[in-house]
Amino acid sequence: MGARLATATLVVRDYDEALAFFVGALGFRVVADDDLGGGKRWVVVAPGDGEQAGLLLARADGPGQAARVGDQTGGRVAFFLHTDDFASDHARMVAAGVTFVEEPRHEPYGSVAVFQDLYGNRWDLVEPR
């Protein structure tokens, strides 16, 4: 089977504030930012060269979706961002104002620290062994 995960959706309050965080603080690249009309956009960001799975930044549509911004997984880690250089990426993210909710630790599977995106969703920064 040649299938792979291409894109996952993250519900956000605002396209531009989300772009500022994911591009500015996390160093993601904009893969797509297309106007769909009616105030909607197709905004996809991805880490690295943009060839990995992307993250669709979908502006909340209505109170039900707005209530989920920042809590799409009930407080569990939602996303896992792999790196080849944990120390450098961690330091760069801290300098950019990213909130880490724990100190880096070393586990049998690699170095890891949990951080929050601008909405409070939890992420793991991981350098696999």
Protein backbone atom coordinates (compact mmCIF):
# COMPACT_ATOMS: atom_id res chain seq x y z
CA MET A 1 0.00 0.00 0.00
CA GLY A 2 1.43 3.36 -0.99
CA ALA A 3 -0.81 5.47 1.26
CA ARG A 4 0.54 8.12 3.62
CA LEU A 5 -0.97 10.76 5.85
CA ALA A 6 -0.91 13.99 3.85
CA THR A 7 -2.68 16.57 6.01
CA ALA A 8 -4.25 16.89 9.45
CA THR A 9 -6.60 19.70 10.52
CA LEU A 10 -5.98 22.06 13.41
CA VAL A 11 -8.89 24.37 14.25
CA VAL A 12 -7.60 27.91 14.90
CA ARG A 13 -9.11 31.28 15.87
CA ASP A 14 -7.49 33.27 13.10
CA TYR A 15 -5.49 32.35 10.02
CA ASP A 16 -2.88 35.11 10.32
CA GLU A 17 -2.15 34.68 14.03
CA ALA A 18 -1.78 30.93 13.45
CA LEU A 19 0.57 31.55 10.52
CA ALA A 20 2.65 33.93 12.64
CA PHE A 21 3.12 31.21 15.26
CA PHE A 22 3.70 28.20 13.03
CA VAL A 23 5.97 30.02 10.58
CA GLY A 24 7.56 32.55 12.92
CA ALA A 25 8.00 30.56 16.14
CA LEU A 26 8.14 26.97 14.90
CA GLY A 27 9.86 27.59 11.56
CA PHE A 28 7.24 25.83 9.43
CA ARG A 29 6.82 26.69 5.75
CA VAL A 30 3.63 27.82 4.08
CA VAL A 31 2.63 25.09 1.63
CA ALA A 32 -0.65 26.71 0.56
CA ASP A 33 -2.60 29.86 1.36
CA ASP A 34 -5.51 30.04 -1.05
CA ASP A 35 -8.57 32.28 -0.83
CA LEU A 36 -11.72 30.15 -0.98
CA GLY A 37 -14.10 33.11 -0.88
CA GLY A 38 -16.45 34.17 1.87
CA GLY A 39 -13.54 34.84 4.24
CA LYS A 40 -12.34 31.23 4.12
CA ARG A 41 -8.83 30.17 3.17
CA TRP A 42 -7.04 26.89 2.53
CA VAL A 43 -3.93 27.37 4.69
CA VAL A 44 -1.44 24.50 4.99
CA VAL A 45 1.90 24.64 6.81
CA ALA A 46 4.55 21.96 7.19
CA PRO A 47 7.91 21.61 8.91
CA GLY A 48 11.22 21.40 7.08
CA ASP A 49 11.10 21.54 3.33
CA GLY A 50 7.30 21.26 3.30
CA GLU A 51 7.40 17.76 1.81
CA GLN A 52 6.18 16.05 5.00
CA ALA A 53 2.58 15.82 6.16
CA GLY A 54 1.00 19.24 6.35
CA LEU A 55 -1.18 20.91 8.94
CA LEU A 56 -4.36 22.54 7.66
CA LEU A 57 -5.00 25.65 9.73
CA ALA A 58 -8.81 25.80 9.62
CA ARG A 59 -10.48 28.86 11.13
CA ALA A 60 -13.23 27.87 13.54
CA ASP A 61 -16.66 28.08 11.95
CA GLY A 62 -19.31 28.63 14.59
CA PRO A 63 -19.41 28.29 18.36
CA GLY A 64 -19.01 24.51 18.41
CA GLN A 65 -15.71 24.62 16.57
CA ALA A 66 -14.59 27.76 18.43
CA ALA A 67 -15.06 25.88 21.71
CA ARG A 68 -12.58 23.24 20.50
CA VAL A 69 -9.75 25.64 19.67
CA GLY A 70 -6.84 24.65 21.90
CA ASP A 71 -8.44 21.48 23.18
CA GLN A 72 -8.91 19.18 20.23
CA THR A 73 -7.55 16.14 22.10
CA GLY A 74 -8.78 16.71 25.65
CA GLY A 75 -5.40 17.85 26.97
CA ARG A 76 -3.34 14.99 25.52
CA VAL A 77 -0.35 15.56 23.28
CA ALA A 78 -1.86 16.02 19.84
CA PHE A 79 1.16 16.33 17.56
CA PHE A 80 4.72 15.00 17.47
CA LEU A 81 7.35 17.21 15.86
CA HIS A 82 10.52 15.26 15.09
CA THR A 83 13.89 16.98 14.85
CA ASP A 84 17.46 16.03 13.99
CA ASP A 85 18.86 18.59 16.46
CA PHE A 86 16.81 18.74 19.65
CA ALA A 87 19.06 21.18 21.52
CA SER A 88 19.16 23.76 18.71
CA ASP A 89 15.46 23.55 17.91
CA HIS A 90 14.50 23.69 21.59
CA ALA A 91 16.69 26.77 22.15
CA ARG A 92 15.35 28.49 19.00
CA MET A 93 11.75 27.80 20.01
CA VAL A 94 12.30 29.05 23.57
CA ALA A 95 13.88 32.23 22.17
CA ALA A 96 10.83 32.66 19.91
CA GLY A 97 8.53 32.55 22.93
CA VAL A 98 7.21 29.00 22.62
CA THR A 99 5.91 27.74 25.99
CA PHE A 100 7.40 24.44 27.11
CA VAL A 101 5.38 22.81 29.88
CA GLU A 102 8.25 20.61 31.04
CA GLU A 103 12.01 20.47 30.94
CA PRO A 104 13.63 18.34 28.23
CA ARG A 105 14.07 14.71 29.22
CA HIS A 106 15.84 11.71 27.77
CA GLU A 107 13.76 8.61 27.22
CA PRO A 108 14.70 5.26 25.66
CA TYR A 109 13.13 6.46 22.39
CA GLY A 110 14.97 9.82 22.36
CA SER A 111 15.04 13.37 23.71
CA VAL A 112 11.63 14.96 24.26
CA ALA A 113 9.87 17.99 25.72
CA VAL A 114 6.21 18.97 25.64
CA PHE A 115 5.29 22.43 24.40
CA GLN A 116 2.06 24.28 23.69
CA ASP A 117 1.04 26.01 20.52
CA LEU A 118 -0.50 29.47 20.71
CA TYR A 119 -3.90 27.96 21.57
CA GLY A 120 -2.73 25.51 24.22
CA ASN A 121 -2.66 22.32 22.15
CA ARG A 122 0.14 20.09 23.42
CA TRP A 123 2.99 18.94 21.16
CA ASP A 124 6.05 16.76 21.68
CA LEU A 125 9.36 17.99 20.30
CA VAL A 126 11.24 14.73 19.79
CA GLU A 127 14.69 13.79 18.58
CA PRO A 128 14.35 10.03 18.05
CA ARG A 129 17.30 7.80 18.90
